[in-house]
Amino acid sequence: MPKITALALLPLTCAVFSAAEDPTTADTPAQMIVTVGHHYGRVLPVLTKDDLTVTQQYQPRAVTNLTPLRGSRADLELFVLVDHCSNCEAGSQFEELSHFIGSQPAGTKIGIAYIQNGRLQVAENPTADRARAVNALNTPQGSKPASPFHALTDLIRSWPRATARRVVLMVSNGINPDAADRLQDPSAEEALATAQRAGVTLYVIYHPSADYVETDASKLDTGQVQLAHVADETGGEAYFLGFGPLPSLAPFLTDLADHLANQYLLEFRAEGIGALQTVTVKSRITDLEVMAPDKVFVPGAAPATK
């Protein structure tokens, strides 16, 4: 389980994996999206493959390429997924979200989806038409409390792969009322594995239901733990301050935009095929945070099936 702070997240990858010619090889091309996170006001250098290290099972792996996702490589598909949590109220904060959508670069397509009674409802598929995306965005209307992670899994599985990076920004309280174990939520684990296999980065804005003051604090904490767990381990970030609603989304959306503008496609050689493999990515540059998924899908001789 990752550390819980007002965390910072990062990357969406719609990686296109190359199949190894020999399915028994232990040295297979793999790739993931990595993000330069907090850089403390410094002017960011353009990273090269020599600036990062990748280890797997404590062994260094060869980094073969590091491509800045800028200019002609900046294409991005971003799904905004809003949980219609019970009596959830977002108010003027959704005006901030609308402004964020309208300010995205030309190469970004925005999709809008909702979680209603735990089920996925897609209001607008990723589109370059900012007005269509904003018009599809509505404040939560209320629904029966249910795990938000089943809908997240369904969204990723139904999302066609393309050449663009893929990111989800989810607004939710993260609470699964049916979870038996506060630290191990199977629906969250399934969403995490699905995102890692698909190369999708998750960012989360915690937003409680209107009755959060009367809600058991342990449930609120569990929701935040699961949101942070899933976001952090896909290379993204979860944003929250205490158990109450954020006073403003603007600074967090600005942070998210900064992350999306500083992402790279990392290519390296990995061991194992046809499965998720645990890897660790680090920066050789002092005080430069690199955000990366905890696991990467290493392809086998045939494309992975969902």
Protein backbone atom coordinates (compact mmCIF):
# COMPACT_ATOMS: atom_id res chain seq x y z
CA MET A 1 0.00 0.00 0.00
CA PRO A 2 1.48 3.39 -0.91
CA LYS A 3 2.08 6.19 1.54
CA ILE A 4 -0.91 8.45 2.03
CA THR A 5 -0.31 12.15 1.65
CA ALA A 6 -1.94 14.75 -0.50
CA LEU A 7 -0.33 12.72 -3.21
CA ALA A 8 0.81 13.48 -6.65
CA LEU A 9 0.09 11.31 -9.55
CA LEU A 10 0.65 10.80 -12.86
CA PRO A 11 0.67 8.82 -16.21
CA LEU A 12 -1.56 7.55 -18.88
CA THR A 13 -0.21 5.24 -21.30
CA CYS A 14 -1.78 3.74 -24.22
CA ALA A 15 1.32 1.76 -24.79
CA VAL A 16 1.64 -0.33 -27.89
CA PHE A 17 3.73 -3.29 -26.87
CA SER A 18 5.99 -5.19 -29.26
CA ALA A 19 5.74 -8.93 -29.06
CA ALA A 20 8.95 -10.83 -28.52
CA GLU A 21 9.98 -13.01 -31.42
CA ASP A 22 10.90 -15.78 -29.02
CA PRO A 23 8.13 -16.37 -26.43
CA THR A 24 10.61 -17.97 -24.05
CA THR A 25 12.92 -14.95 -23.91
CA ALA A 26 13.69 -13.32 -20.59
CA ASP A 27 14.61 -10.03 -22.24
CA THR A 28 11.42 -8.57 -23.69
CA PRO A 29 10.68 -5.01 -24.90
CA ALA A 30 8.27 -3.25 -22.54
CA GLN A 31 7.12 0.32 -22.13
CA MET A 32 5.25 2.62 -19.78
CA ILE A 33 4.37 6.26 -19.30
CA VAL A 34 6.39 8.09 -16.66
CA THR A 35 5.76 11.56 -15.32
CA VAL A 36 7.96 14.26 -13.90
CA GLY A 37 6.14 15.21 -10.72
CA HIS A 38 7.05 17.94 -8.25
CA HIS A 39 10.06 19.84 -9.46
CA TYR A 40 10.12 22.58 -6.83
CA GLY A 41 9.95 25.52 -9.21
CA ARG A 42 13.08 24.59 -11.13
CA VAL A 43 13.28 24.78 -14.91
CA LEU A 44 12.83 21.21 -16.09
CA PRO A 45 15.46 19.71 -18.35
CA VAL A 46 14.47 17.44 -21.21
CA LEU A 47 15.27 14.01 -19.83
CA THR A 48 17.23 11.39 -21.74
CA LYS A 49 17.31 7.64 -21.24
CA ASP A 50 20.52 8.03 -19.24
CA ASP A 51 18.64 10.06 -16.60
CA LEU A 52 16.47 7.12 -15.48
CA THR A 53 17.11 3.70 -14.03
CA VAL A 54 14.80 0.69 -14.14
CA THR A 55 15.16 -2.30 -11.83
CA GLN A 56 13.23 -5.54 -11.74
CA GLN A 57 13.69 -8.07 -8.94
CA TYR A 58 16.58 -5.86 -7.72
CA GLN A 59 18.36 -6.23 -11.05
CA PRO A 60 19.01 -3.27 -13.38
CA ARG A 61 17.20 -3.44 -16.70
CA ALA A 62 18.40 -1.79 -19.91
CA VAL A 63 16.64 1.49 -20.76
CA THR A 64 16.44 1.60 -24.56
CA ASN A 65 14.58 4.86 -25.19
CA LEU A 66 12.90 7.81 -23.50
CA THR A 67 10.60 9.91 -25.68
CA PRO A 68 9.17 13.27 -24.49
CA LEU A 69 5.43 13.29 -25.13
CA ARG A 70 5.38 16.77 -26.58
CA GLY A 71 4.74 18.37 -29.94
CA SER A 72 3.74 15.73 -32.46
CA ARG A 73 3.87 13.08 -29.68
CA ALA A 74 1.63 14.97 -27.24
CA ASP A 75 -1.68 13.31 -28.18
CA LEU A 76 -3.73 12.43 -25.10
CA GLU A 77 -7.15 10.96 -24.33
CA LEU A 78 -8.47 12.06 -20.94
CA PHE A 79 -11.65 10.64 -19.43
CA VAL A 80 -13.29 12.59 -16.59
CA LEU A 81 -15.17 10.04 -14.47
CA VAL A 82 -17.57 11.54 -11.90
CA ASP A 83 -19.12 9.45 -9.16
CA HIS A 84 -22.77 10.36 -8.52
CA CYS A 85 -22.13 9.56 -4.86
CA SER A 86 -25.10 9.86 -2.54
CA ASN A 87 -26.10 13.51 -2.07
CA CYS A 88 -22.77 14.63 -3.48
CA GLU A 89 -22.49 18.36 -3.96
CA ALA A 90 -19.77 19.96 -6.06
CA GLY A 91 -21.21 23.43 -6.71
CA SER A 92 -18.87 25.99 -8.26
CA GLN A 93 -16.01 23.49 -8.25
CA PHE A 94 -17.48 22.03 -11.41
CA GLU A 95 -17.05 25.42 -13.03
CA GLU A 96 -13.34 24.99 -12.31
CA LEU A 97 -13.47 21.55 -13.90
CA SER A 98 -15.19 23.00 -16.97
CA HIS A 99 -12.45 25.63 -17.26
CA PHE A 100 -9.81 22.91 -16.99
CA ILE A 101 -11.43 20.98 -19.84
CA GLY A 102 -11.62 24.06 -22.02
CA SER A 103 -7.96 24.93 -21.41
CA GLN A 104 -6.46 21.61 -22.50
CA PRO A 105 -4.03 21.57 -25.45
CA ALA A 106 -5.31 20.93 -28.97
CA GLY A 107 -3.91 17.40 -29.00
CA THR A 108 -6.04 16.34 -26.03
CA LYS A 109 -9.41 14.64 -26.46
CA ILE A 110 -11.79 14.73 -23.48
CA GLY A 111 -14.38 12.11 -22.55
CA ILE A 112 -17.03 12.41 -19.83
CA ALA A 113 -18.47 9.49 -17.87
CA TYR A 114 -20.41 8.95 -14.64
CA ILE A 115 -20.83 6.31 -11.97
CA GLN A 116 -24.54 5.84 -11.22
CA ASN A 117 -25.42 3.25 -8.56
CA GLY A 118 -22.01 1.69 -9.16
CA ARG A 119 -22.55 1.38 -12.93
CA LEU A 120 -20.69 3.13 -15.73
CA GLN A 121 -22.52 5.70 -17.86
CA VAL A 122 -20.53 7.25 -20.72
CA ALA A 123 -21.92 10.67 -21.58
CA GLU A 124 -19.33 11.65 -24.21
CA ASN A 125 -16.54 9.63 -25.77
CA PRO A 126 -13.14 11.36 -26.09
CA THR A 127 -13.61 14.35 -28.37
CA ALA A 128 -11.56 17.35 -29.46
CA ASP A 129 -14.75 19.45 -29.30
CA ARG A 130 -14.41 21.27 -25.98
CA ALA A 131 -18.02 22.50 -26.03
CA ARG A 132 -19.34 18.94 -26.37
CA ALA A 133 -17.23 17.78 -23.44
CA VAL A 134 -18.25 20.69 -21.21
CA ASN A 135 -21.93 20.29 -22.12
CA ALA A 136 -21.73 16.63 -21.06
CA LEU A 137 -20.38 17.62 -17.64
CA ASN A 138 -23.03 17.81 -14.91
CA THR A 139 -22.80 18.04 -11.15
CA PRO A 140 -23.58 14.79 -9.30
CA GLN A 141 -27.28 14.04 -8.93
CA GLY A 142 -27.04 11.45 -6.17
CA SER A 143 -27.15 7.65 -6.32
CA LYS A 144 -27.06 4.57 -4.14
CA PRO A 145 -23.64 4.14 -2.50
CA ALA A 146 -21.60 1.49 -4.33
CA SER A 147 -18.00 0.74 -5.18
CA PRO A 148 -16.70 3.20 -7.79
CA PHE A 149 -14.01 0.78 -8.92
CA HIS A 150 -16.23 -1.60 -10.91
CA ALA A 151 -17.20 1.29 -13.17
CA LEU A 152 -13.56 2.33 -13.48
CA THR A 153 -12.67 -1.19 -14.60
CA ASP A 154 -15.51 -1.20 -17.14
CA LEU A 155 -14.41 2.17 -18.51
CA ILE A 156 -10.83 1.03 -19.11
CA ARG A 157 -11.87 -2.29 -20.65
CA SER A 158 -14.28 -0.61 -23.06
CA TRP A 159 -11.81 2.13 -24.03
CA PRO A 160 -10.27 1.36 -27.45
CA ARG A 161 -6.50 1.48 -27.60
CA ALA A 162 -5.01 4.18 -29.77
CA THR A 163 -1.63 5.81 -30.24
CA ALA A 164 -2.42 8.49 -27.65
CA ARG A 165 -1.71 8.33 -23.95
CA ARG A 166 -4.75 7.51 -21.84
CA VAL A 167 -5.55 9.11 -18.46
CA VAL A 168 -8.57 8.98 -16.17
CA LEU A 169 -9.44 11.81 -13.77
CA MET A 170 -11.91 10.34 -11.28
CA VAL A 171 -13.97 12.38 -8.80
CA SER A 172 -15.18 10.08 -6.02
CA ASN A 173 -15.12 9.31 -2.29
CA GLY A 174 -13.65 5.86 -2.99
CA ILE A 175 -15.97 4.07 -0.59
CA ASN A 176 -17.10 0.53 -1.34
CA PRO A 177 -19.90 -0.20 1.17
CA ASP A 178 -19.65 -3.93 0.40
CA ALA A 179 -15.93 -4.30 1.09
CA ALA A 180 -15.28 -6.76 3.92
CA ASP A 181 -11.67 -5.70 4.47
CA ARG A 182 -10.77 -2.00 4.71
CA LEU A 183 -7.25 -2.64 3.43
CA GLN A 184 -8.01 -5.14 0.66
CA ASP A 185 -10.85 -4.18 -1.65
CA PRO A 186 -11.09 -6.70 -4.53
CA SER A 187 -12.87 -4.15 -6.74
CA ALA A 188 -10.00 -1.67 -6.28
CA GLU A 189 -7.40 -4.36 -6.96
CA GLU A 190 -9.18 -5.37 -10.16
CA ALA A 191 -9.31 -1.75 -11.34
CA LEU A 192 -5.62 -1.30 -10.54
CA ALA A 193 -4.54 -4.41 -12.45
CA THR A 194 -6.76 -3.47 -15.40
CA ALA A 195 -5.25 0.02 -15.55
CA GLN A 196 -1.69 -1.28 -15.30
CA ARG A 197 -2.24 -3.84 -18.06
CA ALA A 198 -3.76 -1.17 -20.30
CA GLY A 199 -1.15 1.47 -19.48
CA VAL A 200 -3.78 3.90 -18.15
CA THR A 201 -2.79 6.46 -15.53
CA LEU A 202 -5.30 7.41 -12.85
CA TYR A 203 -5.66 10.76 -11.13
CA VAL A 204 -8.23 11.12 -8.37
CA ILE A 205 -9.94 14.06 -6.72
CA TYR A 206 -11.52 12.96 -3.45
CA HIS A 207 -15.00 14.38 -2.96
CA PRO A 208 -17.20 13.20 -0.07
CA SER A 209 -20.95 12.78 0.05
CA ALA A 210 -22.87 15.64 1.65
CA ASP A 211 -23.42 13.60 4.82
CA TYR A 212 -19.72 12.91 5.38
CA VAL A 213 -19.79 14.62 8.80
CA GLU A 214 -22.11 11.86 10.06
CA THR A 215 -20.17 9.08 8.31
CA ASP A 216 -17.85 6.81 10.27
CA ALA A 217 -14.37 8.30 9.92
CA SER A 218 -12.90 4.85 9.32
CA LYS A 219 -15.03 4.51 6.17
CA LEU A 220 -13.89 7.89 4.89
CA ASP A 221 -10.29 6.94 5.59
CA THR A 222 -10.71 3.61 3.81
CA GLY A 223 -12.09 5.35 0.73
CA GLN A 224 -9.12 7.69 0.62
CA VAL A 225 -6.68 4.81 1.14
CA GLN A 226 -8.11 2.90 -1.81
CA LEU A 227 -8.14 5.98 -4.06
CA ALA A 228 -4.53 6.75 -3.20
CA HIS A 229 -3.52 3.11 -3.66
CA VAL A 230 -4.97 2.83 -7.16
CA ALA A 231 -3.79 6.26 -8.33
CA ASP A 232 -0.25 6.01 -6.96
CA GLU A 233 0.41 2.55 -8.34
CA THR A 234 -0.65 3.54 -11.86
CA GLY A 235 1.83 6.43 -11.79
CA GLY A 236 -0.81 9.02 -10.96
CA GLU A 237 -1.90 10.92 -7.89
CA ALA A 238 -4.79 11.34 -5.47
CA TYR A 239 -5.72 14.81 -4.24
CA PHE A 240 -7.40 15.41 -0.89
CA LEU A 241 -7.18 17.52 2.26
CA GLY A 242 -8.80 15.85 5.25
CA PHE A 243 -12.22 14.24 5.01
CA GLY A 244 -14.11 17.31 3.80
CA PRO A 245 -14.51 18.60 0.24
CA LEU A 246 -11.62 20.50 -1.28
CA PRO A 247 -12.17 24.28 -0.99
CA SER A 248 -11.07 24.64 -4.61
CA LEU A 249 -10.11 22.24 -7.38
CA ALA A 250 -8.05 24.84 -9.22
CA PRO A 251 -4.60 24.24 -7.65
CA PHE A 252 -4.94 20.48 -8.05
CA LEU A 253 -6.11 20.74 -11.65
CA THR A 254 -3.12 23.03 -12.30
CA ASP A 255 -0.85 20.37 -10.82
CA LEU A 256 -2.47 17.72 -13.00
CA ALA A 257 -1.99 19.85 -16.12
CA ASP A 258 1.68 20.27 -15.22
CA HIS A 259 2.05 16.51 -14.91
CA LEU A 260 0.40 15.86 -18.26
CA ALA A 261 2.76 18.36 -19.89
CA ASN A 262 5.81 16.53 -18.53
CA GLN A 263 5.32 12.90 -19.46
CA TYR A 264 7.59 10.50 -21.32
CA LEU A 265 7.31 7.13 -23.00
CA LEU A 266 9.90 4.92 -21.31
CA GLU A 267 11.07 1.84 -23.21
CA PHE A 268 13.19 -0.84 -21.58
CA ARG A 269 13.98 -4.54 -21.52
CA ALA A 270 12.10 -6.63 -18.96
CA GLU A 271 12.03 -10.19 -17.73
CA GLY A 272 8.93 -12.36 -17.87
CA ILE A 273 6.28 -12.44 -20.57
CA GLY A 274 2.50 -12.27 -20.73
CA ALA A 275 2.04 -10.90 -17.21
CA LEU A 276 2.29 -7.88 -14.97
CA GLN A 277 5.81 -7.49 -13.60
CA THR A 278 6.94 -5.32 -10.69
CA VAL A 279 9.50 -2.69 -11.69
CA THR A 280 11.04 0.37 -10.04
CA VAL A 281 11.84 3.54 -11.96
CA LYS A 282 14.08 6.21 -10.44
CA SER A 283 15.69 9.46 -11.52
CA ARG A 284 19.45 9.99 -11.45
CA ILE A 285 18.81 13.75 -11.13
CA THR A 286 18.76 15.02 -7.55
CA ASP A 287 15.41 16.40 -6.31
CA LEU A 288 13.57 15.40 -9.46
CA GLU A 289 10.53 13.24 -8.77
CA VAL A 290 9.62 10.66 -11.39
CA MET A 291 6.21 9.04 -11.10
CA ALA A 292 5.73 5.61 -12.66
CA PRO A 293 3.45 2.59 -12.32
CA ASP A 294 4.56 -0.06 -9.84
CA LYS A 295 3.92 -2.77 -12.43
CA VAL A 296 4.16 -3.04 -16.19
CA PHE A 297 2.58 -5.55 -18.52
CA VAL A 298 5.31 -7.44 -20.35
CA PRO A 299 3.89 -8.78 -23.60
CA GLY A 300 4.22 -12.33 -24.79
CA ALA A 301 4.23 -13.75 -28.29
CA ALA A 302 0.58 -12.77 -28.85
CA PRO A 303 -1.37 -9.61 -27.93
CA ALA A 304 -2.87 -9.67 -24.45
CA THR A 305 -6.60 -10.36 -24.19
CA LYS A 306 -8.85 -8.50 -21.83
